[in-house]
Amino acid sequence: MLTELDVGNGTRRTWTADRDVLVGEIVWAADSRTLGYSTSVPGGRRVSGVTMRTLDTRAPGTDLLGGHVVFAVPDDAGTVDSLTLSPDGRSGLGVLHKGTPPATILFSFADGRPMRVTSTIPADPHGGIVGIAVDTGDGPRYACLNGLDSFGRVLDGEYMPGARGFDVCGTTYYEP
């Protein structure tokens, strides 16, 4: 379930799915009407079907999975850490991990196009951890970028339904 609260007038709008689905990486596009979010399916301990979608929040309907598919991660790509929609509402960036050979993959995506690998960072043989920060530009950004599940129950592609994670998907924004 995904709910939008208009703090100006107090109205709420909710989108739901007809099956179990995790929602994460929630972000507003620069047009202030397009809402981007990732969906994935918990299947045992792993998540699958990682997809970046957008909703036109002014259009009728309440089907969360009916949002426009901007990008679907190929099943054999690796374990997805994050997908972030860019302010244009039609492209974005992602991070995944691949096992053979072990590496962190940075990629971009655009509506209707395959992912484009922008960097491959080989795993550190000494066990070091890769830290990545992404900045998509100027202007206010309203987002809940807690990962593939906004409540922190997915880590390294594993779904942990009993985990308390972040408890809430807080709102964050940047104002220049």
C-alpha atoms as a PDB file:
ATOM      1  CA  MET A   1       0.000   0.000   0.000  1.00  0.00           C
ATOM      2  CA  LEU A   2       1.144   3.527  -0.789  1.00  0.00           C
ATOM      3  CA  THR A   3      -0.629   6.559   0.651  1.00  0.00           C
ATOM      4  CA  GLU A   4      -0.189  10.192  -0.337  1.00  0.00           C
ATOM      5  CA  LEU A   5      -1.116  12.877   2.194  1.00  0.00           C
ATOM      6  CA  ASP A   6      -1.710  16.384   0.895  1.00  0.00           C
ATOM      7  CA  VAL A   7      -0.524  18.451   3.852  1.00  0.00           C
ATOM      8  CA  GLY A   8      -2.168  21.538   2.365  1.00  0.00           C
ATOM      9  CA  ASN A   9      -5.732  20.248   2.609  1.00  0.00           C
ATOM     10  CA  GLY A  10      -5.401  17.030   4.648  1.00  0.00           C
ATOM     11  CA  THR A  11      -6.720  14.697   1.935  1.00  0.00           C
ATOM     12  CA  ARG A  12      -5.289  11.203   1.502  1.00  0.00           C
ATOM     13  CA  ARG A  13      -5.108   8.974  -1.533  1.00  0.00           C
ATOM     14  CA  THR A  14      -4.130   5.306  -1.362  1.00  0.00           C
ATOM     15  CA  TRP A  15      -2.956   2.818  -3.994  1.00  0.00           C
ATOM     16  CA  THR A  16      -3.017  -0.916  -3.229  1.00  0.00           C
ATOM     17  CA  ALA A  17      -1.935  -4.158  -4.891  1.00  0.00           C
ATOM     18  CA  ASP A  18      -3.883  -7.385  -5.298  1.00  0.00           C
ATOM     19  CA  ARG A  19      -0.901  -9.459  -4.094  1.00  0.00           C
ATOM     20  CA  ASP A  20       2.049  -9.188  -1.705  1.00  0.00           C
ATOM     21  CA  VAL A  21       4.457  -6.568  -2.943  1.00  0.00           C
ATOM     22  CA  LEU A  22       7.174  -4.506  -1.299  1.00  0.00           C
ATOM     23  CA  VAL A  23       7.266  -0.789  -2.041  1.00  0.00           C
ATOM     24  CA  GLY A  24      10.380   1.337  -1.665  1.00  0.00           C
ATOM     25  CA  GLU A  25      12.569   4.098  -3.062  1.00  0.00           C
ATOM     26  CA  ILE A  26       9.574   6.470  -3.072  1.00  0.00           C
ATOM     27  CA  VAL A  27      10.370   9.828  -4.671  1.00  0.00           C
ATOM     28  CA  TRP A  28       8.527  12.724  -6.284  1.00  0.00           C
ATOM     29  CA  ALA A  29       9.556  13.817  -9.768  1.00  0.00           C
ATOM     30  CA  ALA A  30      10.172  17.510 -10.407  1.00  0.00           C
ATOM     31  CA  ASP A  31       6.662  17.984 -11.848  1.00  0.00           C
ATOM     32  CA  SER A  32       5.181  17.398  -8.337  1.00  0.00           C
ATOM     33  CA  ARG A  33       2.555  15.033  -9.733  1.00  0.00           C
ATOM     34  CA  THR A  34       4.605  11.999 -10.796  1.00  0.00           C
ATOM     35  CA  LEU A  35       5.434   9.632  -7.960  1.00  0.00           C
ATOM     36  CA  GLY A  36       8.230   7.121  -8.538  1.00  0.00           C
ATOM     37  CA  TYR A  37       8.617   3.932  -6.504  1.00  0.00           C
ATOM     38  CA  SER A  38      10.159   0.497  -6.710  1.00  0.00           C
ATOM     39  CA  THR A  39       8.184  -2.701  -6.337  1.00  0.00           C
ATOM     40  CA  SER A  40       9.508  -6.161  -5.645  1.00  0.00           C
ATOM     41  CA  VAL A  41       7.976  -9.481  -4.709  1.00  0.00           C
ATOM     42  CA  PRO A  42       8.957 -11.302  -1.506  1.00  0.00           C
ATOM     43  CA  GLY A  43       9.499 -14.953  -2.369  1.00  0.00           C
ATOM     44  CA  GLY A  44      10.763 -16.951   0.574  1.00  0.00           C
ATOM     45  CA  ARG A  45      13.944 -15.227   1.715  1.00  0.00           C
ATOM     46  CA  ARG A  46      14.720 -13.492  -1.612  1.00  0.00           C
ATOM     47  CA  VAL A  47      13.004 -10.679  -3.448  1.00  0.00           C
ATOM     48  CA  SER A  48      12.401 -10.812  -7.178  1.00  0.00           C
ATOM     49  CA  GLY A  49      10.751  -8.802  -9.906  1.00  0.00           C
ATOM     50  CA  VAL A  50      12.426  -5.533  -8.919  1.00  0.00           C
ATOM     51  CA  THR A  51      10.778  -2.779 -10.950  1.00  0.00           C
ATOM     52  CA  MET A  52      10.780   1.048 -10.985  1.00  0.00           C
ATOM     53  CA  ARG A  53       7.291   2.434 -11.584  1.00  0.00           C
ATOM     54  CA  THR A  54       5.655   5.833 -11.771  1.00  0.00           C
ATOM     55  CA  LEU A  55       2.149   7.011 -10.996  1.00  0.00           C
ATOM     56  CA  ASP A  56       0.453  10.153 -12.201  1.00  0.00           C
ATOM     57  CA  THR A  57      -1.126  11.091  -8.875  1.00  0.00           C
ATOM     58  CA  ARG A  58      -3.815  13.167 -10.610  1.00  0.00           C
ATOM     59  CA  ALA A  59      -5.006  10.288 -12.797  1.00  0.00           C
ATOM     60  CA  PRO A  60      -7.890   8.067 -11.665  1.00  0.00           C
ATOM     61  CA  GLY A  61      -7.281   4.591 -10.274  1.00  0.00           C
ATOM     62  CA  THR A  62      -5.894   2.935  -7.169  1.00  0.00           C
ATOM     63  CA  ASP A  63      -3.873   0.013  -8.598  1.00  0.00           C
ATOM     64  CA  LEU A  64      -0.329   0.239  -7.240  1.00  0.00           C
ATOM     65  CA  LEU A  65       0.940  -2.289  -9.787  1.00  0.00           C
ATOM     66  CA  GLY A  66      -0.830  -0.384 -12.573  1.00  0.00           C
ATOM     67  CA  GLY A  67       1.797   2.336 -12.441  1.00  0.00           C
ATOM     68  CA  HIS A  68       3.878   2.844 -15.566  1.00  0.00           C
ATOM     69  CA  VAL A  69       6.898   0.506 -15.658  1.00  0.00           C
ATOM     70  CA  VAL A  70       9.926   2.702 -16.258  1.00  0.00           C
ATOM     71  CA  PHE A  71      12.451  -0.103 -15.749  1.00  0.00           C
ATOM     72  CA  ALA A  72      12.387  -3.791 -14.792  1.00  0.00           C
ATOM     73  CA  VAL A  73      15.669  -5.215 -13.534  1.00  0.00           C
ATOM     74  CA  PRO A  74      16.601  -8.340 -15.530  1.00  0.00           C
ATOM     75  CA  ASP A  75      16.287 -11.460 -13.345  1.00  0.00           C
ATOM     76  CA  ASP A  76      19.905 -12.452 -13.999  1.00  0.00           C
ATOM     77  CA  ALA A  77      21.401  -8.986 -13.329  1.00  0.00           C
ATOM     78  CA  GLY A  78      22.309  -9.591  -9.677  1.00  0.00           C
ATOM     79  CA  THR A  79      21.034  -8.520  -6.261  1.00  0.00           C
ATOM     80  CA  VAL A  80      19.550  -5.029  -6.395  1.00  0.00           C
ATOM     81  CA  ASP A  81      20.446  -2.626  -3.593  1.00  0.00           C
ATOM     82  CA  SER A  82      18.656   0.451  -4.848  1.00  0.00           C
ATOM     83  CA  LEU A  83      16.825   2.148  -7.701  1.00  0.00           C
ATOM     84  CA  THR A  84      16.318   5.903  -7.665  1.00  0.00           C
ATOM     85  CA  LEU A  85      14.134   7.826 -10.080  1.00  0.00           C
ATOM     86  CA  SER A  86      15.624  11.038 -11.461  1.00  0.00           C
ATOM     87  CA  PRO A  87      13.732  14.349 -11.274  1.00  0.00           C
ATOM     88  CA  ASP A  88      12.615  13.931 -14.914  1.00  0.00           C
ATOM     89  CA  GLY A  89      10.410  10.981 -13.893  1.00  0.00           C
ATOM     90  CA  ARG A  90      11.633   8.912 -16.858  1.00  0.00           C
ATOM     91  CA  SER A  91      15.149   7.783 -15.941  1.00  0.00           C
ATOM     92  CA  GLY A  92      17.235   6.935 -12.927  1.00  0.00           C
ATOM     93  CA  LEU A  93      20.182   5.257 -11.274  1.00  0.00           C
ATOM     94  CA  GLY A  94      20.680   1.911  -9.579  1.00  0.00           C
ATOM     95  CA  VAL A  95      23.148  -0.205  -7.645  1.00  0.00           C
ATOM     96  CA  LEU A  96      23.361  -3.991  -7.613  1.00  0.00           C
ATOM     97  CA  HIS A  97      25.758  -6.718  -6.562  1.00  0.00           C
ATOM     98  CA  LYS A  98      26.891  -9.525  -8.795  1.00  0.00           C
ATOM     99  CA  GLY A  99      28.373 -12.775  -7.524  1.00  0.00           C
ATOM    100  CA  THR A 100      30.573 -14.042 -10.362  1.00  0.00           C
ATOM    101  CA  PRO A 101      32.990 -12.356 -10.340  1.00  0.00           C
ATOM    102  CA  PRO A 102      31.962 -10.494  -7.160  1.00  0.00           C
ATOM    103  CA  ALA A 103      31.377  -6.823  -7.922  1.00  0.00           C
ATOM    104  CA  THR A 104      29.203  -3.788  -7.244  1.00  0.00           C
ATOM    105  CA  ILE A 105      27.543  -2.529 -10.410  1.00  0.00           C
ATOM    106  CA  LEU A 106      26.400   1.087 -10.837  1.00  0.00           C
ATOM    107  CA  PHE A 107      23.931   1.588 -13.665  1.00  0.00           C
ATOM    108  CA  SER A 108      21.547   4.044 -15.225  1.00  0.00           C
ATOM    109  CA  PHE A 109      18.179   3.319 -16.758  1.00  0.00           C
ATOM    110  CA  ALA A 110      15.700   5.154 -18.956  1.00  0.00           C
ATOM    111  CA  ASP A 111      12.099   4.448 -19.899  1.00  0.00           C
ATOM    112  CA  GLY A 112      11.950   1.754 -22.568  1.00  0.00           C
ATOM    113  CA  ARG A 113      15.703   1.130 -22.673  1.00  0.00           C
ATOM    114  CA  PRO A 114      17.908  -1.582 -21.170  1.00  0.00           C
ATOM    115  CA  MET A 115      20.071  -0.752 -18.177  1.00  0.00           C
ATOM    116  CA  ARG A 116      23.423   0.845 -18.938  1.00  0.00           C
ATOM    117  CA  VAL A 117      26.334  -0.145 -16.685  1.00  0.00           C
ATOM    118  CA  THR A 118      28.226   3.009 -15.751  1.00  0.00           C
ATOM    119  CA  SER A 119      30.762   1.488 -13.328  1.00  0.00           C
ATOM    120  CA  THR A 120      31.868  -1.912 -12.121  1.00  0.00           C
ATOM    121  CA  ILE A 121      33.651  -1.981  -8.779  1.00  0.00           C
ATOM    122  CA  PRO A 122      35.362  -5.330  -8.108  1.00  0.00           C
ATOM    123  CA  ALA A 123      34.887  -6.776  -4.623  1.00  0.00           C
ATOM    124  CA  ASP A 124      37.692  -6.031  -2.213  1.00  0.00           C
ATOM    125  CA  PRO A 125      39.597  -9.292  -1.591  1.00  0.00           C
ATOM    126  CA  HIS A 126      40.231  -8.096   1.978  1.00  0.00           C
ATOM    127  CA  GLY A 127      36.512  -7.740   2.761  1.00  0.00           C
ATOM    128  CA  GLY A 128      36.167  -3.961   2.405  1.00  0.00           C
ATOM    129  CA  ILE A 129      32.713  -2.500   1.889  1.00  0.00           C
ATOM    130  CA  VAL A 130      31.775  -0.174  -0.964  1.00  0.00           C
ATOM    131  CA  GLY A 131      29.952   3.019   0.067  1.00  0.00           C
ATOM    132  CA  ILE A 132      28.123   4.987  -2.604  1.00  0.00           C
ATOM    133  CA  ALA A 133      26.352   8.359  -2.479  1.00  0.00           C
ATOM    134  CA  VAL A 134      24.290   9.640  -5.383  1.00  0.00           C
ATOM    135  CA  ASP A 135      23.195  13.224  -6.009  1.00  0.00           C
ATOM    136  CA  THR A 136      20.729  13.834  -8.832  1.00  0.00           C
ATOM    137  CA  GLY A 137      20.953  17.614  -9.001  1.00  0.00           C
ATOM    138  CA  ASP A 138      19.470  20.856  -7.745  1.00  0.00           C
ATOM    139  CA  GLY A 139      15.986  21.562  -6.499  1.00  0.00           C
ATOM    140  CA  PRO A 140      13.733  20.191  -3.780  1.00  0.00           C
ATOM    141  CA  ARG A 141      13.565  16.409  -3.591  1.00  0.00           C
ATOM    142  CA  TYR A 142      10.907  14.764  -1.479  1.00  0.00           C
ATOM    143  CA  ALA A 143      11.734  11.136  -0.917  1.00  0.00           C
ATOM    144  CA  CYS A 144      11.779   8.038   1.244  1.00  0.00           C
ATOM    145  CA  LEU A 145      14.888   6.302  -0.001  1.00  0.00           C
ATOM    146  CA  ASN A 146      15.111   3.569   2.639  1.00  0.00           C
ATOM    147  CA  GLY A 147      15.762   0.851   0.063  1.00  0.00           C
ATOM    148  CA  LEU A 148      13.656  -1.680  -1.837  1.00  0.00           C
ATOM    149  CA  ASP A 149      11.349  -1.911   1.156  1.00  0.00           C
ATOM    150  CA  SER A 150      10.580   1.436   2.772  1.00  0.00           C
ATOM    151  CA  PHE A 151      10.504  -0.208   6.180  1.00  0.00           C
ATOM    152  CA  GLY A 152      14.005  -1.718   5.966  1.00  0.00           C
ATOM    153  CA  ARG A 153      13.053  -5.397   5.768  1.00  0.00           C
ATOM    154  CA  VAL A 154      15.198  -6.113   2.671  1.00  0.00           C
ATOM    155  CA  LEU A 155      18.962  -6.350   3.017  1.00  0.00           C
ATOM    156  CA  ASP A 156      21.240  -7.730   0.305  1.00  0.00           C
ATOM    157  CA  GLY A 157      18.211  -9.071  -1.577  1.00  0.00           C
ATOM    158  CA  GLU A 158      16.907 -11.005   1.427  1.00  0.00           C
ATOM    159  CA  TYR A 159      13.442 -10.322   2.796  1.00  0.00           C
ATOM    160  CA  MET A 160      13.218 -10.478   6.583  1.00  0.00           C
ATOM    161  CA  PRO A 161       9.511 -10.083   7.422  1.00  0.00           C
ATOM    162  CA  GLY A 162      10.067 -10.032  11.191  1.00  0.00           C
ATOM    163  CA  ALA A 163      12.745  -7.341  11.055  1.00  0.00           C
ATOM    164  CA  ARG A 164      11.799  -3.989  12.526  1.00  0.00           C
ATOM    165  CA  GLY A 165      14.074  -2.134  10.114  1.00  0.00           C
ATOM    166  CA  PHE A 166      13.314   1.576  10.129  1.00  0.00           C
ATOM    167  CA  ASP A 167       9.757   1.235  11.553  1.00  0.00           C
ATOM    168  CA  VAL A 168       8.593   4.131   9.401  1.00  0.00           C
ATOM    169  CA  CYS A 169       9.252   5.601   6.018  1.00  0.00           C
ATOM    170  CA  GLY A 170      10.051   9.149   7.015  1.00  0.00           C
ATOM    171  CA  THR A 171       9.895  12.056   4.632  1.00  0.00           C
ATOM    172  CA  THR A 172      12.994  13.897   3.703  1.00  0.00           C
ATOM    173  CA  TYR A 173      13.545  16.866   1.466  1.00  0.00           C
ATOM    174  CA  TYR A 174      16.219  19.200   0.289  1.00  0.00           C
ATOM    175  CA  GLU A 175      15.672  22.904  -0.240  1.00  0.00           C
ATOM    176  CA  PRO A 176      18.448  24.955  -1.820  1.00  0.00           C
END
